[in-house]
Every structure is written in C-alpha cells, then in structure tokens.
C-alpha cells in the first residue's frame, strides 16, 4: 500500500510539473511552422507573447474549411499589428501528413503543435466539443476568451470578434 501511495505522489508531482511554468515554456519545444513545403521547429514563436489564441480545427471538417482561409488572412494582418499576440494551430486531423496538407491548403502562417505532441501539450483542457473552435489564453494559460462557463462550444467567429476588441485595447 505504501508503494502505491508513493507511486501516486510521484505521478502527481510529475503531472504538476508538466503544467508548471508559462504557456510559452510548456509549448515552445512542441511548435512547428510551415517553411516552404516543410514543417520546421518554431521554438521562439511564443517569445514575448502575452495573448495566445489556440485554433482547434481539421481539414476533414467542412465548417473548419469554410472558416480557415479568412481566419488565416485575418491572422496575417493581426500578427503585424499586434506584436504581443500569437495564434497556435491545434490539429484534429487524423495524421501528421493531413495536418501539414491542411496548413498548406489554409495558408496557415502561424505555428502548430507538433502532431505527435498534441496530447502532451496540455491544450486538450481548453478544447470544446466541436470544431472549429478558438480559445484565447494569457501567458500563464488562463482562459481570456472562448466558450462561456457551462457551455460545450462557441463559434470561433464570436471569439474572433471579442479577440479583435481585446487586441485593440491591449
């Protein structure tokens, strides 16, 4: 019994340390970005960012394919205008190749969590019950915008309107 208790305490400590630190510290090693037709590491993508939006989406999802192109264009403009902001893609695709293909198709000029690191990233705790979904976090991982308490999903278009206001005020 004592061995089991010690094991549980160790697992608890490991889990707590995995969630410790800033969002930047936790995610940076697991980010990639399209460079030409290759995914390359993007460990500095969150450096100096205090507003981080996470976009949950997938190429197989028709509403995602409808929302993504315009959202990517919005990001290109917003990233120039608001240096304290970063968008991160969290793929719900079925393979790393599908994720890369979707990033190319959607002209995603923002970093993504490596396909094989999605579960370990800790971003699953912010996800909604449907895609596409957009959540906005501060540098410590506190939710600023997204689905309201008790709701299972919110349209990314609504969150995007609120994000635009937040960025203008920051």
Protein backbone atom coordinates (compact mmCIF):
# COMPACT_ATOMS: atom_id res chain seq x y z
CA UNK A 1 0.00 0.00 0.00
CA UNK A 2 2.81 2.38 0.86
CA UNK A 3 4.44 1.70 -2.54
CA UNK A 4 1.20 2.51 -4.35
CA UNK A 5 0.82 5.73 -2.36
CA UNK A 6 4.42 6.74 -3.15
CA UNK A 7 3.83 5.99 -6.84
CA UNK A 8 0.71 8.16 -6.84
CA UNK A 9 2.58 11.01 -5.16
CA UNK A 10 5.35 10.78 -7.77
CA UNK A 11 2.83 10.75 -10.64
CA UNK A 12 1.07 13.73 -9.12
CA UNK A 13 4.34 15.65 -8.87
CA UNK A 14 5.22 14.82 -12.48
CA UNK A 15 1.77 15.93 -13.68
CA UNK A 16 2.02 19.18 -11.70
CA UNK A 17 5.48 19.96 -13.07
CA UNK A 18 4.24 19.29 -16.62
CA UNK A 19 1.66 22.06 -16.12
CA UNK A 20 4.05 24.39 -14.29
CA UNK A 21 5.65 27.38 -15.94
CA UNK A 22 4.27 29.69 -18.55
CA UNK A 23 2.36 28.55 -21.58
CA UNK A 24 5.40 29.59 -23.61
CA UNK A 25 7.68 27.31 -21.57
CA UNK A 26 5.32 24.37 -21.96
CA UNK A 27 4.53 24.73 -25.67
CA UNK A 28 7.65 26.18 -27.28
CA UNK A 29 9.54 22.89 -27.75
CA UNK A 30 6.47 21.37 -29.42
CA UNK A 31 5.74 24.04 -32.05
CA UNK A 32 6.33 23.80 -35.78
CA UNK A 33 5.71 26.18 -38.65
CA UNK A 34 5.45 25.81 -42.41
CA UNK A 35 8.54 26.94 -44.23
CA UNK A 36 8.06 26.33 -47.92
CA UNK A 37 6.66 22.82 -48.05
CA UNK A 38 8.32 21.61 -44.84
CA UNK A 39 7.38 21.79 -41.18
CA UNK A 40 10.25 23.22 -39.16
CA UNK A 41 10.65 23.74 -35.43
CA UNK A 42 9.39 27.10 -34.16
CA UNK A 43 10.61 27.21 -30.54
CA UNK A 44 10.63 31.02 -30.35
CA UNK A 45 7.12 31.58 -31.70
CA UNK A 46 5.67 32.47 -28.31
CA UNK A 47 8.55 34.63 -27.12
CA UNK A 48 7.22 37.94 -25.79
CA UNK A 49 3.60 36.99 -26.42
CA UNK A 50 1.05 37.59 -23.67
CA UNK A 51 -2.10 36.87 -25.69
CA UNK A 52 -2.14 33.40 -27.23
CA UNK A 53 -5.07 32.08 -29.24
CA UNK A 54 -5.41 28.36 -29.91
CA UNK A 55 -7.30 27.30 -33.02
CA UNK A 56 -8.74 23.76 -32.96
CA UNK A 57 -9.53 22.67 -36.49
CA UNK A 58 -9.16 19.89 -39.07
CA UNK A 59 -9.10 19.52 -42.84
CA UNK A 60 -11.84 16.85 -42.78
CA UNK A 61 -14.25 19.28 -41.09
CA UNK A 62 -16.40 21.29 -43.57
CA UNK A 63 -17.09 24.22 -41.18
CA UNK A 64 -13.33 24.39 -40.48
CA UNK A 65 -12.52 24.56 -44.20
CA UNK A 66 -15.06 27.35 -44.53
CA UNK A 67 -13.64 29.40 -41.62
CA UNK A 68 -9.88 28.81 -42.02
CA UNK A 69 -8.98 30.76 -45.19
CA UNK A 70 -10.45 34.04 -43.93
CA UNK A 71 -9.08 33.43 -40.46
CA UNK A 72 -5.59 32.91 -41.88
CA UNK A 73 -5.87 36.22 -43.74
CA UNK A 74 -7.03 37.94 -40.54
CA UNK A 75 -4.05 36.46 -38.68
CA UNK A 76 -1.57 37.76 -41.26
CA UNK A 77 -2.81 41.31 -40.65
CA UNK A 78 -3.21 40.96 -36.87
CA UNK A 79 0.26 39.47 -36.34
CA UNK A 80 1.81 42.56 -37.95
CA UNK A 81 -0.34 44.96 -35.94
CA UNK A 82 -0.20 43.29 -32.50
CA UNK A 83 3.30 42.05 -31.59
CA UNK A 84 2.10 40.70 -28.21
CA UNK A 85 -0.27 38.23 -29.94
CA UNK A 86 0.28 34.73 -31.32
CA UNK A 87 -2.08 32.19 -32.83
CA UNK A 88 -1.33 28.45 -32.49
CA UNK A 89 -2.98 25.68 -34.51
CA UNK A 90 -4.07 22.53 -32.68
CA UNK A 91 -4.91 19.94 -35.32
CA UNK A 92 -7.72 17.44 -35.05
CA UNK A 93 -6.58 15.80 -38.26
CA UNK A 94 -6.01 12.06 -38.43
CA UNK A 95 -2.32 12.14 -39.36
CA UNK A 96 0.71 14.41 -39.44
CA UNK A 97 0.54 14.45 -43.25
CA UNK A 98 -3.11 15.54 -43.16
CA UNK A 99 -2.21 18.30 -40.70
CA UNK A 100 0.59 19.55 -42.96
CA UNK A 101 -1.64 19.39 -46.03
CA UNK A 102 -4.32 21.40 -44.22
CA UNK A 103 -1.80 24.00 -43.10
CA UNK A 104 -0.65 24.41 -46.71
CA UNK A 105 -4.21 24.48 -48.05
CA UNK A 106 -5.32 27.02 -45.44
CA UNK A 107 -2.25 29.27 -45.86
CA UNK A 108 -1.58 28.97 -42.13
CA UNK A 109 1.34 31.28 -41.40
CA UNK A 110 1.11 30.55 -37.70
CA UNK A 111 2.74 27.80 -35.66
CA UNK A 112 1.11 24.50 -34.83
CA UNK A 113 1.58 21.97 -32.08
CA UNK A 114 3.52 19.01 -33.47
CA UNK A 115 1.05 16.30 -34.42
CA UNK A 116 2.62 13.70 -32.11
CA UNK A 117 2.76 16.14 -29.18
CA UNK A 118 -0.89 17.20 -29.17
CA UNK A 119 -1.88 15.15 -26.13
CA UNK A 120 1.25 16.03 -24.17
CA UNK A 121 0.83 19.76 -24.92
CA UNK A 122 -1.87 20.18 -22.27
CA UNK A 123 -4.04 22.15 -24.71
CA UNK A 124 -6.73 19.49 -24.63
CA UNK A 125 -8.01 21.02 -21.40
CA UNK A 126 -9.12 24.13 -23.32
CA UNK A 127 -10.81 22.29 -26.22
CA UNK A 128 -14.52 22.34 -26.96
CA UNK A 129 -16.85 19.59 -28.07
CA UNK A 130 -16.71 20.70 -31.69
CA UNK A 131 -14.51 22.21 -34.38
CA UNK A 132 -13.67 24.79 -35.42
CA UNK A 133 -13.05 26.31 -32.03
CA UNK A 134 -10.97 29.28 -30.86
CA UNK A 135 -9.85 29.94 -27.30
CA UNK A 136 -7.72 32.87 -26.12
CA UNK A 137 -5.29 32.47 -23.23
CA UNK A 138 -2.88 34.66 -21.33
CA UNK A 139 0.80 33.77 -20.98
CA UNK A 140 0.05 31.70 -17.86
CA UNK A 141 -2.62 29.63 -19.61
CA UNK A 142 -5.65 31.34 -18.09
CA UNK A 143 -8.63 31.48 -20.45
CA UNK A 144 -9.48 35.02 -21.50
CA UNK A 145 -11.99 34.25 -24.28
CA UNK A 146 -13.78 31.20 -25.61
CA UNK A 147 -16.78 29.13 -24.65
CA UNK A 148 -18.67 30.52 -21.67
CA UNK A 149 -18.74 28.58 -18.39
CA UNK A 150 -21.08 25.63 -18.69
CA UNK A 151 -21.17 25.69 -22.49
CA UNK A 152 -19.59 22.98 -24.66
CA UNK A 153 -18.69 25.14 -27.70
CA UNK A 154 -18.75 28.66 -29.08
CA UNK A 155 -18.42 29.75 -32.68
CA UNK A 156 -14.90 30.95 -33.48
CA UNK A 157 -16.46 33.94 -35.25
CA UNK A 158 -17.81 35.19 -31.91
CA UNK A 159 -14.48 34.65 -30.17
CA UNK A 160 -12.67 36.35 -33.04
CA UNK A 161 -14.82 39.49 -32.63
CA UNK A 162 -14.00 39.56 -28.92
CA UNK A 163 -10.31 38.90 -29.63
CA UNK A 164 -10.17 41.82 -32.03
CA UNK A 165 -11.54 44.11 -29.28
CA UNK A 166 -9.08 42.67 -26.73
CA UNK A 167 -6.12 43.27 -29.05
CA UNK A 168 -7.20 46.83 -29.79
CA UNK A 169 -7.38 47.54 -26.05
CA UNK A 170 -4.02 45.94 -25.21
